[in-house]
PDB file of N, CA and C in Angstrom:
ATOM      1  N   MET A   1       0.832  -1.173   0.000  1.00  0.00           N
ATOM      2  CA  MET A   1       0.000   0.000   0.000  1.00  0.00           C
ATOM      3  C   MET A   1       0.882   1.243   0.000  1.00  0.00           C
ATOM      4  N   THR A   2       0.467   2.221  -0.722  1.00  0.00           N
ATOM      5  CA  THR A   2       1.216   3.473  -0.703  1.00  0.00           C
ATOM      6  C   THR A   2       0.877   4.238   0.569  1.00  0.00           C
ATOM      7  N   SER A   3       1.794   5.098   0.979  1.00  0.00           N
ATOM      8  CA  SER A   3       1.585   5.846   2.223  1.00  0.00           C
ATOM      9  C   SER A   3       0.397   6.802   2.101  1.00  0.00           C
ATOM     10  N   ARG A   4       0.177   7.332   0.924  1.00  0.00           N
ATOM     11  CA  ARG A   4      -0.944   8.254   0.732  1.00  0.00           C
ATOM     12  C   ARG A   4      -2.274   7.511   0.907  1.00  0.00           C
ATOM     13  N   PHE A   5      -2.373   6.315   0.310  1.00  0.00           N
ATOM     14  CA  PHE A   5      -3.579   5.500   0.439  1.00  0.00           C
ATOM     15  C   PHE A   5      -3.777   5.070   1.889  1.00  0.00           C
ATOM     16  N   ARG A   6      -2.688   4.668   2.547  1.00  0.00           N
ATOM     17  CA  ARG A   6      -2.760   4.208   3.936  1.00  0.00           C
ATOM     18  C   ARG A   6      -3.251   5.333   4.850  1.00  0.00           C
ATOM     19  N   SER A   7      -2.729   6.538   4.670  1.00  0.00           N
ATOM     20  CA  SER A   7      -3.154   7.650   5.530  1.00  0.00           C
ATOM     21  C   SER A   7      -4.609   8.011   5.260  1.00  0.00           C
ATOM     22  N   CYS A   8      -5.040   7.932   4.026  1.00  0.00           N
ATOM     23  CA  CYS A   8      -6.430   8.209   3.682  1.00  0.00           C
ATOM     24  C   CYS A   8      -7.342   7.162   4.313  1.00  0.00           C
ATOM     25  N   LEU A   9      -6.935   5.899   4.249  1.00  0.00           N
ATOM     26  CA  LEU A   9      -7.709   4.807   4.833  1.00  0.00           C
ATOM     27  C   LEU A   9      -7.798   4.958   6.344  1.00  0.00           C
ATOM     28  N   GLN A  10      -6.686   5.323   6.990  1.00  0.00           N
ATOM     29  CA  GLN A  10      -6.695   5.521   8.442  1.00  0.00           C
ATOM     30  C   GLN A  10      -7.614   6.670   8.826  1.00  0.00           C
ATOM     31  N   CYS A  11      -7.617   7.716   8.025  1.00  0.00           N
ATOM     32  CA  CYS A  11      -8.486   8.862   8.291  1.00  0.00           C
ATOM     33  C   CYS A  11      -9.947   8.448   8.212  1.00  0.00           C
ATOM     34  N   VAL A  12     -10.309   7.669   7.200  1.00  0.00           N
ATOM     35  CA  VAL A  12     -11.682   7.208   7.042  1.00  0.00           C
ATOM     36  C   VAL A  12     -12.068   6.317   8.209  1.00  0.00           C
ATOM     37  N   LEU A  13     -11.186   5.405   8.599  1.00  0.00           N
ATOM     38  CA  LEU A  13     -11.492   4.476   9.673  1.00  0.00           C
ATOM     39  C   LEU A  13     -11.588   5.170  11.028  1.00  0.00           C
ATOM     40  N   GLN A  14     -10.827   6.231  11.258  1.00  0.00           N
ATOM     41  CA  GLN A  14     -10.852   6.926  12.543  1.00  0.00           C
ATOM     42  C   GLN A  14     -12.104   7.777  12.707  1.00  0.00           C
ATOM     43  N   THR A  15     -12.625   8.315  11.627  1.00  0.00           N
ATOM     44  CA  THR A  15     -13.775   9.204  11.736  1.00  0.00           C
ATOM     45  C   THR A  15     -15.102   8.460  11.604  1.00  0.00           C
ATOM     46  N   SER A  16     -15.082   7.169  11.385  1.00  0.00           N
ATOM     47  CA  SER A  16     -16.312   6.412  11.197  1.00  0.00           C
ATOM     48  C   SER A  16     -16.704   5.677  12.466  1.00  0.00           C
ATOM     49  N   SER A  17     -17.945   5.269  12.488  1.00  0.00           N
ATOM     50  CA  SER A  17     -18.414   4.461  13.608  1.00  0.00           C
ATOM     51  C   SER A  17     -17.894   3.034  13.451  1.00  0.00           C
ATOM     52  N   SER A  18     -18.071   2.241  14.488  1.00  0.00           N
ATOM     53  CA  SER A  18     -17.604   0.851  14.472  1.00  0.00           C
ATOM     54  C   SER A  18     -18.269   0.071  13.340  1.00  0.00           C
ATOM     55  N   ARG A  19     -19.536   0.285  13.144  1.00  0.00           N
ATOM     56  CA  ARG A  19     -20.278  -0.420  12.093  1.00  0.00           C
ATOM     57  C   ARG A  19     -19.772  -0.012  10.707  1.00  0.00           C
ATOM     58  N   GLU A  20     -19.512   1.255  10.490  1.00  0.00           N
ATOM     59  CA  GLU A  20     -19.005   1.741   9.210  1.00  0.00           C
ATOM     60  C   GLU A  20     -17.603   1.205   8.936  1.00  0.00           C
ATOM     61  N   ARG A  21     -16.780   1.107   9.998  1.00  0.00           N
ATOM     62  CA  ARG A  21     -15.426   0.559   9.822  1.00  0.00           C
ATOM     63  C   ARG A  21     -15.492  -0.894   9.372  1.00  0.00           C
ATOM     64  N   ARG A  22     -16.377  -1.673   9.993  1.00  0.00           N
ATOM     65  CA  ARG A  22     -16.520  -3.082   9.596  1.00  0.00           C
ATOM     66  C   ARG A  22     -16.997  -3.187   8.159  1.00  0.00           C
ATOM     67  N   SER A  23     -17.951  -2.361   7.774  1.00  0.00           N
ATOM     68  CA  SER A  23     -18.453  -2.371   6.396  1.00  0.00           C
ATOM     69  C   SER A  23     -17.350  -2.007   5.415  1.00  0.00           C
ATOM     70  N   THR A  24     -16.548  -1.001   5.795  1.00  0.00           N
ATOM     71  CA  THR A  24     -15.445  -0.573   4.932  1.00  0.00           C
ATOM     72  C   THR A  24     -14.412  -1.685   4.790  1.00  0.00           C
ATOM     73  N   ARG A  25     -14.072  -2.323   5.889  1.00  0.00           N
ATOM     74  CA  ARG A  25     -13.097  -3.422   5.842  1.00  0.00           C
ATOM     75  C   ARG A  25     -13.622  -4.584   5.011  1.00  0.00           C
ATOM     76  N   LEU A  26     -14.910  -4.900   5.170  1.00  0.00           N
ATOM     77  CA  LEU A  26     -15.512  -5.984   4.390  1.00  0.00           C
ATOM     78  C   LEU A  26     -15.484  -5.648   2.905  1.00  0.00           C
ATOM     79  N   LEU A  27     -15.801  -4.403   2.570  1.00  0.00           N
ATOM     80  CA  LEU A  27     -15.767  -3.977   1.173  1.00  0.00           C
ATOM     81  C   LEU A  27     -14.352  -4.056   0.611  1.00  0.00           C
ATOM     82  N   LEU A  28     -13.371  -3.586   1.370  1.00  0.00           N
ATOM     83  CA  LEU A  28     -11.980  -3.640   0.909  1.00  0.00           C
ATOM     84  C   LEU A  28     -11.500  -5.083   0.748  1.00  0.00           C
ATOM     85  N   THR A  29     -11.924  -5.967   1.649  1.00  0.00           N
ATOM     86  CA  THR A  29     -11.562  -7.381   1.532  1.00  0.00           C
ATOM     87  C   THR A  29     -12.180  -7.988   0.283  1.00  0.00           C
ATOM     88  N   ALA A  30     -13.439  -7.664   0.005  1.00  0.00           N
ATOM     89  CA  ALA A  30     -14.105  -8.183  -1.193  1.00  0.00           C
ATOM     90  C   ALA A  30     -13.422  -7.682  -2.466  1.00  0.00           C
ATOM     91  N   ILE A  31     -13.053  -6.413  -2.476  1.00  0.00           N
ATOM     92  CA  ILE A  31     -12.361  -5.850  -3.644  1.00  0.00           C
ATOM     93  C   ILE A  31     -11.015  -6.546  -3.844  1.00  0.00           C
ATOM     94  N   ALA A  32     -10.284  -6.782  -2.768  1.00  0.00           N
ATOM     95  CA  ALA A  32      -8.989  -7.463  -2.869  1.00  0.00           C
ATOM     96  C   ALA A  32      -9.164  -8.885  -3.389  1.00  0.00           C
ATOM     97  N   LEU A  33     -10.201  -9.590  -2.941  1.00  0.00           N
ATOM     98  CA  LEU A  33     -10.454 -10.954  -3.397  1.00  0.00           C
ATOM     99  C   LEU A  33     -10.787 -10.989  -4.884  1.00  0.00           C
ATOM    100  N   VAL A  34     -11.636 -10.074  -5.323  1.00  0.00           N
ATOM    101  CA  VAL A  34     -11.976  -9.994  -6.748  1.00  0.00           C
ATOM    102  C   VAL A  34     -10.732  -9.691  -7.570  1.00  0.00           C
ATOM    103  N   PHE A  35      -9.906  -8.786  -7.089  1.00  0.00           N
ATOM    104  CA  PHE A  35      -8.668  -8.452  -7.792  1.00  0.00           C
ATOM    105  C   PHE A  35      -7.765  -9.675  -7.922  1.00  0.00           C
ATOM    106  N   LEU A  36      -7.611 -10.430  -6.840  1.00  0.00           N
ATOM    107  CA  LEU A  36      -6.760 -11.614  -6.883  1.00  0.00           C
ATOM    108  C   LEU A  36      -7.295 -12.670  -7.850  1.00  0.00           C
ATOM    109  N   LEU A  37      -8.598 -12.888  -7.834  1.00  0.00           N
ATOM    110  CA  LEU A  37      -9.185 -13.863  -8.759  1.00  0.00           C
ATOM    111  C   LEU A  37      -9.052 -13.415 -10.209  1.00  0.00           C
ATOM    112  N   ALA A  38      -9.144 -12.124 -10.456  1.00  0.00           N
ATOM    113  CA  ALA A  38      -8.996 -11.608 -11.819  1.00  0.00           C
ATOM    114  C   ALA A  38      -7.566 -11.722 -12.310  1.00  0.00           C
ATOM    115  N   CYS A  39      -6.603 -11.677 -11.400  1.00  0.00           N
ATOM    116  CA  CYS A  39      -5.192 -11.737 -11.786  1.00  0.00           C
ATOM    117  C   CYS A  39      -4.734 -13.160 -12.111  1.00  0.00           C
ATOM    118  N   PHE A  40      -5.443 -14.162 -11.621  1.00  0.00           N
ATOM    119  CA  PHE A  40      -5.001 -15.541 -11.796  1.00  0.00           C
ATOM    120  C   PHE A  40      -6.071 -16.418 -12.443  1.00  0.00           C
ATOM    121  N   PRO A  41      -6.587 -16.045 -13.631  1.00  0.00           N
ATOM    122  CA  PRO A  41      -7.646 -16.857 -14.235  1.00  0.00           C
ATOM    123  C   PRO A  41      -7.158 -18.233 -14.685  1.00  0.00           C
ATOM    124  N   THR A  42      -5.891 -18.362 -15.027  1.00  0.00           N
ATOM    125  CA  THR A  42      -5.409 -19.659 -15.500  1.00  0.00           C
ATOM    126  C   THR A  42      -5.251 -20.650 -14.372  1.00  0.00           C
ATOM    127  N   ALA A  43      -5.217 -20.204 -13.147  1.00  0.00           N
ATOM    128  CA  ALA A  43      -5.049 -21.122 -12.024  1.00  0.00           C
ATOM    129  C   ALA A  43      -6.252 -22.035 -11.863  1.00  0.00           C
ATOM    130  N   TYR A  44      -7.427 -21.564 -12.204  1.00  0.00           N
ATOM    131  CA  TYR A  44      -8.606 -22.409 -12.064  1.00  0.00           C
ATOM    132  C   TYR A  44      -9.218 -22.785 -13.412  1.00  0.00           C
ATOM    133  N   ALA A  45      -8.584 -22.474 -14.523  1.00  0.00           N
ATOM    134  CA  ALA A  45      -9.150 -22.759 -15.828  1.00  0.00           C
ATOM    135  C   ALA A  45      -8.372 -23.818 -16.605  1.00  0.00           C
ATOM    136  N   GLN A  46      -7.348 -24.400 -16.014  1.00  0.00           N
ATOM    137  CA  GLN A  46      -6.556 -25.374 -16.758  1.00  0.00           C
ATOM    138  C   GLN A  46      -7.293 -26.700 -16.838  1.00  0.00           C
ATOM    139  N   SER A  47      -7.198 -27.339 -17.988  1.00  0.00           N
ATOM    140  CA  SER A  47      -7.854 -28.616 -18.208  1.00  0.00           C
ATOM    141  C   SER A  47      -7.085 -29.379 -19.271  1.00  0.00           C
ATOM    142  N   ASP A  48      -7.227 -30.694 -19.249  1.00  0.00           N
ATOM    143  CA  ASP A  48      -6.578 -31.504 -20.284  1.00  0.00           C
ATOM    144  C   ASP A  48      -7.529 -31.747 -21.448  1.00  0.00           C
ATOM    145  N   ARG A  49      -8.656 -31.087 -21.461  1.00  0.00           N
ATOM    146  CA  ARG A  49      -9.670 -31.256 -22.502  1.00  0.00           C
ATOM    147  C   ARG A  49      -9.636 -30.085 -23.471  1.00  0.00           C
ATOM    148  N   GLY A  50     -10.107 -30.332 -24.683  1.00  0.00           N
ATOM    149  CA  GLY A  50     -10.137 -29.282 -25.686  1.00  0.00           C
ATOM    150  C   GLY A  50     -11.390 -29.377 -26.531  1.00  0.00           C
ATOM    151  N   THR A  51     -11.507 -28.494 -27.492  1.00  0.00           N
ATOM    152  CA  THR A  51     -12.668 -28.433 -28.372  1.00  0.00           C
ATOM    153  C   THR A  51     -12.209 -28.466 -29.815  1.00  0.00           C
ATOM    154  N   ILE A  52     -12.920 -29.233 -30.626  1.00  0.00           N
ATOM    155  CA  ILE A  52     -12.648 -29.257 -32.070  1.00  0.00           C
ATOM    156  C   ILE A  52     -13.877 -28.699 -32.774  1.00  0.00           C
ATOM    157  N   THR A  53     -13.636 -27.747 -33.658  1.00  0.00           N
ATOM    158  CA  THR A  53     -14.722 -27.164 -34.444  1.00  0.00           C
ATOM    159  C   THR A  53     -14.366 -27.284 -35.915  1.00  0.00           C
ATOM    160  N   GLY A  54     -15.367 -27.264 -36.765  1.00  0.00           N
ATOM    161  CA  GLY A  54     -15.122 -27.351 -38.199  1.00  0.00           C
ATOM    162  C   GLY A  54     -16.382 -27.075 -38.986  1.00  0.00           C
ATOM    163  N   ILE A  55     -16.257 -27.139 -40.288  1.00  0.00           N
ATOM    164  CA  ILE A  55     -17.394 -26.977 -41.192  1.00  0.00           C
ATOM    165  C   ILE A  55     -17.382 -28.166 -42.145  1.00  0.00           C
ATOM    166  N   VAL A  56     -18.525 -28.819 -42.260  1.00  0.00           N
ATOM    167  CA  VAL A  56     -18.643 -29.985 -43.137  1.00  0.00           C
ATOM    168  C   VAL A  56     -18.964 -29.497 -44.540  1.00  0.00           C
ATOM    169  N   THR A  57     -18.109 -29.891 -45.497  1.00  0.00           N
ATOM    170  CA  THR A  57     -18.328 -29.551 -46.905  1.00  0.00           C
ATOM    171  C   THR A  57     -18.181 -30.811 -47.750  1.00  0.00           C
ATOM    172  N   ASP A  58     -18.750 -30.786 -48.946  1.00  0.00           N
ATOM    173  CA  ASP A  58     -18.583 -31.916 -49.854  1.00  0.00           C
ATOM    174  C   ASP A  58     -17.381 -31.667 -50.764  1.00  0.00           C
ATOM    175  N   ASN A  59     -17.195 -32.542 -51.765  1.00  0.00           N
ATOM    176  CA  ASN A  59     -16.006 -32.416 -52.621  1.00  0.00           C
ATOM    177  C   ASN A  59     -16.024 -31.187 -53.529  1.00  0.00           C
ATOM    178  N   THR A  60     -17.167 -30.493 -53.613  1.00  0.00           N
ATOM    179  CA  THR A  60     -17.222 -29.247 -54.384  1.00  0.00           C
ATOM    180  C   THR A  60     -17.167 -28.024 -53.472  1.00  0.00           C
ATOM    181  N   ASN A  61     -16.866 -28.250 -52.186  1.00  0.00           N
ATOM    182  CA  ASN A  61     -16.813 -27.213 -51.155  1.00  0.00           C
ATOM    183  C   ASN A  61     -18.174 -26.602 -50.823  1.00  0.00           C
ATOM    184  N   ALA A  62     -19.252 -27.291 -51.172  1.00  0.00           N
ATOM    185  CA  ALA A  62     -20.587 -26.854 -50.770  1.00  0.00           C
ATOM    186  C   ALA A  62     -20.816 -27.307 -49.328  1.00  0.00           C
ATOM    187  N   VAL A  63     -21.453 -26.482 -48.541  1.00  0.00           N
ATOM    188  CA  VAL A  63     -21.715 -26.789 -47.135  1.00  0.00           C
ATOM    189  C   VAL A  63     -22.724 -27.929 -47.041  1.00  0.00           C
ATOM    190  N   VAL A  64     -22.442 -28.891 -46.152  1.00  0.00           N
ATOM    191  CA  VAL A  64     -23.360 -30.003 -45.888  1.00  0.00           C
ATOM    192  C   VAL A  64     -24.015 -29.734 -44.537  1.00  0.00           C
ATOM    193  N   THR A  65     -25.328 -29.560 -44.550  1.00  0.00           N
ATOM    194  CA  THR A  65     -26.046 -29.243 -43.317  1.00  0.00           C
ATOM    195  C   THR A  65     -26.561 -30.510 -42.644  1.00  0.00           C
ATOM    196  N   ASN A  66     -26.720 -30.424 -41.318  1.00  0.00           N
ATOM    197  CA  ASN A  66     -27.302 -31.498 -40.504  1.00  0.00           C
ATOM    198  C   ASN A  66     -26.582 -32.839 -40.612  1.00  0.00           C
ATOM    199  N   ALA A  67     -25.309 -32.832 -40.892  1.00  0.00           N
ATOM    200  CA  ALA A  67     -24.529 -34.066 -40.937  1.00  0.00           C
ATOM    201  C   ALA A  67     -24.180 -34.497 -39.515  1.00  0.00           C
ATOM    202  N   SER A  68     -24.097 -35.794 -39.285  1.00  0.00           N
ATOM    203  CA  SER A  68     -23.665 -36.316 -37.985  1.00  0.00           C
ATOM    204  C   SER A  68     -22.152 -36.422 -37.983  1.00  0.00           C
ATOM    205  N   VAL A  69     -21.531 -35.943 -36.921  1.00  0.00           N
ATOM    206  CA  VAL A  69     -20.078 -35.962 -36.805  1.00  0.00           C
ATOM    207  C   VAL A  69     -19.731 -36.727 -35.531  1.00  0.00           C
ATOM    208  N   SER A  70     -18.859 -37.721 -35.652  1.00  0.00           N
ATOM    209  CA  SER A  70     -18.435 -38.446 -34.452  1.00  0.00           C
ATOM    210  C   SER A  70     -16.926 -38.623 -34.474  1.00  0.00           C
ATOM    211  N   MET A  71     -16.351 -38.657 -33.278  1.00  0.00           N
ATOM    212  CA  MET A  71     -14.919 -38.868 -33.136  1.00  0.00           C
ATOM    213  C   MET A  71     -14.718 -40.011 -32.162  1.00  0.00           C
ATOM    214  N   ARG A  72     -14.061 -41.076 -32.628  1.00  0.00           N
ATOM    215  CA  ARG A  72     -13.787 -42.237 -31.788  1.00  0.00           C
ATOM    216  C   ARG A  72     -12.310 -42.258 -31.470  1.00  0.00           C
ATOM    217  N   ASN A  73     -11.988 -42.256 -30.165  1.00  0.00           N
ATOM    218  CA  ASN A  73     -10.602 -42.311 -29.739  1.00  0.00           C
ATOM    219  C   ASN A  73     -10.046 -43.678 -30.113  1.00  0.00           C
ATOM    220  N   ILE A  74      -8.987 -43.705 -30.875  1.00  0.00           N
ATOM    221  CA  ILE A  74      -8.425 -44.961 -31.372  1.00  0.00           C
ATOM    222  C   ILE A  74      -7.860 -45.807 -30.235  1.00  0.00           C
ATOM    223  N   ASN A  75      -7.315 -45.170 -29.197  1.00  0.00           N
ATOM    224  CA  ASN A  75      -6.715 -45.928 -28.091  1.00  0.00           C
ATOM    225  C   ASN A  75      -7.738 -46.427 -27.076  1.00  0.00           C
ATOM    226  N   THR A  76      -8.742 -45.612 -26.755  1.00  0.00           N
ATOM    227  CA  THR A  76      -9.686 -45.980 -25.699  1.00  0.00           C
ATOM    228  C   THR A  76     -11.038 -46.450 -26.220  1.00  0.00           C
ATOM    229  N   GLY A  77     -11.378 -46.116 -27.455  1.00  0.00           N
ATOM    230  CA  GLY A  77     -12.680 -46.468 -28.010  1.00  0.00           C
ATOM    231  C   GLY A  77     -13.790 -45.508 -27.625  1.00  0.00           C
ATOM    232  N   ALA A  78     -13.495 -44.491 -26.818  1.00  0.00           N
ATOM    233  CA  ALA A  78     -14.515 -43.513 -26.412  1.00  0.00           C
ATOM    234  C   ALA A  78     -14.996 -42.731 -27.631  1.00  0.00           C
ATOM    235  N   VAL A  79     -16.309 -42.516 -27.691  1.00  0.00           N
ATOM    236  CA  VAL A  79     -16.899 -41.822 -28.835  1.00  0.00           C
ATOM    237  C   VAL A  79     -17.499 -40.494 -28.377  1.00  0.00           C
ATOM    238  N   TYR A  80     -17.177 -39.440 -29.117  1.00  0.00           N
ATOM    239  CA  TYR A  80     -17.702 -38.097 -28.878  1.00  0.00           C
ATOM    240  C   TYR A  80     -18.415 -37.692 -30.164  1.00  0.00           C
ATOM    241  N   SER A  81     -19.624 -37.150 -30.029  1.00  0.00           N
ATOM    242  CA  SER A  81     -20.367 -36.859 -31.256  1.00  0.00           C
ATOM    243  C   SER A  81     -20.999 -35.470 -31.213  1.00  0.00           C
ATOM    244  N   GLY A  82     -21.365 -35.027 -32.391  1.00  0.00           N
ATOM    245  CA  GLY A  82     -22.024 -33.743 -32.557  1.00  0.00           C
ATOM    246  C   GLY A  82     -22.793 -33.749 -33.856  1.00  0.00           C
ATOM    247  N   LYS A  83     -23.438 -32.644 -34.145  1.00  0.00           N
ATOM    248  CA  LYS A  83     -24.220 -32.523 -35.369  1.00  0.00           C
ATOM    249  C   LYS A  83     -23.925 -31.182 -36.012  1.00  0.00           C
ATOM    250  N   ALA A  84     -23.783 -31.197 -37.328  1.00  0.00           N
ATOM    251  CA  ALA A  84     -23.538 -29.950 -38.061  1.00  0.00           C
ATOM    252  C   ALA A  84     -24.811 -29.114 -38.061  1.00  0.00           C
ATOM    253  N   THR A  85     -24.640 -27.828 -37.967  1.00  0.00           N
ATOM    254  CA  THR A  85     -25.774 -26.903 -37.960  1.00  0.00           C
ATOM    255  C   THR A  85     -26.252 -26.642 -39.379  1.00  0.00           C
ATOM    256  N   GLY A  86     -27.159 -25.714 -39.510  1.00  0.00           N
ATOM    257  CA  GLY A  86     -27.655 -25.321 -40.826  1.00  0.00           C
ATOM    258  C   GLY A  86     -26.592 -24.649 -41.684  1.00  0.00           C
ATOM    259  N   THR A  87     -25.515 -24.193 -41.060  1.00  0.00           N
ATOM    260  CA  THR A  87     -24.411 -23.593 -41.815  1.00  0.00           C
ATOM    261  C   THR A  87     -23.264 -24.582 -42.012  1.00  0.00           C
ATOM    262  N   GLY A  88     -23.461 -25.836 -41.570  1.00  0.00           N
ATOM    263  CA  GLY A  88     -22.436 -26.865 -41.718  1.00  0.00           C
ATOM    264  C   GLY A  88     -21.414 -26.886 -40.594  1.00  0.00           C
ATOM    265  N   ALA A  89     -21.520 -25.958 -39.646  1.00  0.00           N
ATOM    266  CA  ALA A  89     -20.544 -25.879 -38.552  1.00  0.00           C
ATOM    267  C   ALA A  89     -20.850 -26.938 -37.494  1.00  0.00           C
ATOM    268  N   PHE A  90     -19.789 -27.500 -36.921  1.00  0.00           N
ATOM    269  CA  PHE A  90     -19.953 -28.440 -35.820  1.00  0.00           C
ATOM    270  C   PHE A  90     -18.920 -28.142 -34.745  1.00  0.00           C
ATOM    271  N   THR A  91     -19.237 -28.553 -33.523  1.00  0.00           N
ATOM    272  CA  THR A  91     -18.340 -28.397 -32.387  1.00  0.00           C
ATOM    273  C   THR A  91     -18.429 -29.651 -31.543  1.00  0.00           C
ATOM    274  N   ILE A  92     -17.273 -30.190 -31.184  1.00  0.00           N
ATOM    275  CA  ILE A  92     -17.215 -31.301 -30.246  1.00  0.00           C
ATOM    276  C   ILE A  92     -16.329 -30.839 -29.103  1.00  0.00           C
ATOM    277  N   ALA A  93     -16.941 -30.715 -27.917  1.00  0.00           N
ATOM    278  CA  ALA A  93     -16.245 -30.169 -26.751  1.00  0.00           C
ATOM    279  C   ALA A  93     -15.800 -31.270 -25.798  1.00  0.00           C
ATOM    280  N   SER A  94     -14.963 -30.891 -24.851  1.00  0.00           N
ATOM    281  CA  SER A  94     -14.449 -31.792 -23.795  1.00  0.00           C
ATOM    282  C   SER A  94     -13.740 -33.000 -24.365  1.00  0.00           C
ATOM    283  N   LEU A  95     -12.926 -32.765 -25.351  1.00  0.00           N
ATOM    284  CA  LEU A  95     -12.212 -33.828 -26.049  1.00  0.00           C
ATOM    285  C   LEU A  95     -10.804 -33.980 -25.482  1.00  0.00           C
ATOM    286  N   PRO A  96     -10.474 -35.148 -24.881  1.00  0.00           N
ATOM    287  CA  PRO A  96      -9.109 -35.337 -24.380  1.00  0.00           C
ATOM    288  C   PRO A  96      -8.107 -35.441 -25.532  1.00  0.00           C
ATOM    289  N   ALA A  97      -6.855 -35.171 -25.234  1.00  0.00           N
ATOM    290  CA  ALA A  97      -5.809 -35.296 -26.249  1.00  0.00           C
ATOM    291  C   ALA A  97      -5.736 -36.749 -26.706  1.00  0.00           C
ATOM    292  N   GLY A  98      -5.457 -36.948 -27.990  1.00  0.00           N
ATOM    293  CA  GLY A  98      -5.338 -38.304 -28.512  1.00  0.00           C
ATOM    294  C   GLY A  98      -5.522 -38.333 -30.015  1.00  0.00           C
ATOM    295  N   THR A  99      -5.535 -39.544 -30.560  1.00  0.00           N
ATOM    296  CA  THR A  99      -5.747 -39.756 -31.986  1.00  0.00           C
ATOM    297  C   THR A  99      -7.164 -40.290 -32.172  1.00  0.00           C
ATOM    298  N   TYR A 100      -7.876 -39.720 -33.127  1.00  0.00           N
ATOM    299  CA  TYR A 100      -9.288 -40.018 -33.321  1.00  0.00           C
ATOM    300  C   TYR A 100      -9.587 -40.400 -34.754  1.00  0.00           C
ATOM    301  N   ALA A 101     -10.625 -41.243 -34.906  1.00  0.00           N
ATOM    302  CA  ALA A 101     -11.206 -41.517 -36.213  1.00  0.00           C
ATOM    303  C   ALA A 101     -12.418 -40.603 -36.327  1.00  0.00           C
ATOM    304  N   LEU A 102     -12.333 -39.617 -37.209  1.00  0.00           N
ATOM    305  CA  LEU A 102     -13.419 -38.655 -37.423  1.00  0.00           C
ATOM    306  C   LEU A 102     -14.314 -39.205 -38.523  1.00  0.00           C
ATOM    307  N   THR A 103     -15.591 -39.385 -38.218  1.00  0.00           N
ATOM    308  CA  THR A 103     -16.538 -39.908 -39.198  1.00  0.00           C
ATOM    309  C   THR A 103     -17.672 -38.914 -39.376  1.00  0.00           C
ATOM    310  N   VAL A 104     -17.990 -38.602 -40.638  1.00  0.00           N
ATOM    311  CA  VAL A 104     -19.086 -37.706 -40.969  1.00  0.00           C
ATOM    312  C   VAL A 104     -20.073 -38.490 -41.822  1.00  0.00           C
ATOM    313  N   THR A 105     -21.337 -38.494 -41.389  1.00  0.00           N
ATOM    314  CA  THR A 105     -22.381 -39.197 -42.154  1.00  0.00           C
ATOM    315  C   THR A 105     -23.534 -38.240 -42.415  1.00  0.00           C
ATOM    316  N   HIS A 106     -24.154 -38.442 -43.575  1.00  0.00           N
ATOM    317  CA  HIS A 106     -25.305 -37.636 -43.965  1.00  0.00           C
ATOM    318  C   HIS A 106     -26.191 -38.519 -44.825  1.00  0.00           C
ATOM    319  N   PRO A 107     -27.499 -38.536 -44.557  1.00  0.00           N
ATOM    320  CA  PRO A 107     -28.392 -39.369 -45.374  1.00  0.00           C
ATOM    321  C   PRO A 107     -28.291 -39.001 -46.852  1.00  0.00           C
ATOM    322  N   GLY A 108     -28.194 -39.978 -47.677  1.00  0.00           N
ATOM    323  CA  GLY A 108     -28.101 -39.746 -49.118  1.00  0.00           C
ATOM    324  C   GLY A 108     -26.690 -39.468 -49.598  1.00  0.00           C
ATOM    325  N   SER A 109     -25.733 -39.458 -48.693  1.00  0.00           N
ATOM    326  CA  SER A 109     -24.341 -39.217 -49.069  1.00  0.00           C
ATOM    327  C   SER A 109     -23.475 -40.336 -48.532  1.00  0.00           C
ATOM    328  N   ARG A 110     -22.327 -40.446 -49.095  1.00  0.00           N
ATOM    329  CA  ARG A 110     -21.364 -41.441 -48.648  1.00  0.00           C
ATOM    330  C   ARG A 110     -20.684 -40.937 -47.380  1.00  0.00           C
ATOM    331  N   SER A 111     -20.435 -41.854 -46.433  1.00  0.00           N
ATOM    332  CA  SER A 111     -19.740 -41.478 -45.195  1.00  0.00           C
ATOM    333  C   SER A 111     -18.279 -41.180 -45.478  1.00  0.00           C
ATOM    334  N   MET A 112     -17.710 -40.323 -44.664  1.00  0.00           N
ATOM    335  CA  MET A 112     -16.302 -39.966 -44.804  1.00  0.00           C
ATOM    336  C   MET A 112     -15.626 -40.230 -43.466  1.00  0.00           C
ATOM    337  N   CYS A 113     -14.429 -40.819 -43.512  1.00  0.00           N
ATOM    338  CA  CYS A 113     -13.690 -41.093 -42.283  1.00  0.00           C
ATOM    339  C   CYS A 113     -12.245 -40.649 -42.465  1.00  0.00           C
ATOM    340  N   ARG A 114     -11.721 -39.925 -41.476  1.00  0.00           N
ATOM    341  CA  ARG A 114     -10.331 -39.456 -41.481  1.00  0.00           C
ATOM    342  C   ARG A 114      -9.748 -39.653 -40.088  1.00  0.00           C
ATOM    343  N   THR A 115      -8.435 -39.777 -40.016  1.00  0.00           N
ATOM    344  CA  THR A 115      -7.752 -39.845 -38.738  1.00  0.00           C
ATOM    345  C   THR A 115      -7.227 -38.462 -38.417  1.00  0.00           C
ATOM    346  N   VAL A 116      -7.546 -37.989 -37.198  1.00  0.00           N
ATOM    347  CA  VAL A 116      -7.099 -36.665 -36.759  1.00  0.00           C
ATOM    348  C   VAL A 116      -6.518 -36.796 -35.353  1.00  0.00           C
ATOM    349  N   SER A 117      -5.668 -35.847 -35.000  1.00  0.00           N
ATOM    350  CA  SER A 117      -5.071 -35.837 -33.656  1.00  0.00           C
ATOM    351  C   SER A 117      -5.381 -34.522 -32.977  1.00  0.00           C
ATOM    352  N   ARG A 118      -5.626 -34.624 -31.671  1.00  0.00           N
ATOM    353  CA  ARG A 118      -5.754 -33.430 -30.837  1.00  0.00           C
ATOM    354  C   ARG A 118      -4.653 -33.502 -29.810  1.00  0.00           C
ATOM    355  N   SER A 119      -3.722 -32.564 -29.897  1.00  0.00           N
ATOM    356  CA  SER A 119      -2.590 -32.585 -28.972  1.00  0.00           C
ATOM    357  C   SER A 119      -2.872 -31.681 -27.791  1.00  0.00           C
ATOM    358  N   ARG A 120      -2.108 -31.887 -26.737  1.00  0.00           N
ATOM    359  CA  ARG A 120      -2.243 -31.042 -25.550  1.00  0.00           C
ATOM    360  C   ARG A 120      -1.677 -29.671 -25.834  1.00  0.00           C
ATOM    361  N   SER A 121      -2.397 -28.657 -25.387  1.00  0.00           N
ATOM    362  CA  SER A 121      -1.858 -27.304 -25.519  1.00  0.00           C
ATOM    363  C   SER A 121      -0.967 -27.033 -24.317  1.00  0.00           C
ATOM    364  N   ARG A 122      -0.009 -26.164 -24.493  1.00  0.00           N
ATOM    365  CA  ARG A 122       0.926 -25.860 -23.400  1.00  0.00           C
ATOM    366  C   ARG A 122       0.686 -24.516 -22.848  1.00  0.00           C
TER     367      ARG A 122
END
C-alpha cells in the first residue's frame, strides 16, 4: 500500500463508527479478493480437454447441413459426437488429447472417415 492511500484509509477508519469501519473493511476485503481472482484466471481454468470445431463440406466445397459428426478415440474407443448446424458448422467439446477416427455421415451421401489428432496445448 502506498503511504498516501494508507493515511487516507486511516483517516476514514478513525472518523467512522464501528459499524461503518466493519463495512469498509468488508468492502476492501471483497475488492482485494476480486482483484486476486482476476489476476489468476489460468489457475482455475486449466484442463486436459479441448474443443474441435469445423465446417462440413462436400467435394465441391458446398456446405453439408445437418450431418452427424463423431470422433472415436483410437486408443480408448470412447466416442464423442455432434451434429452440423444449418451452416455446416460443428463443435465437439471436452475432447481429451489423442488420436481419433473422425466420421461424418449424412443421409443420401457417402460417409467420410479421417484420422485426426488433438494434442495437448501448453
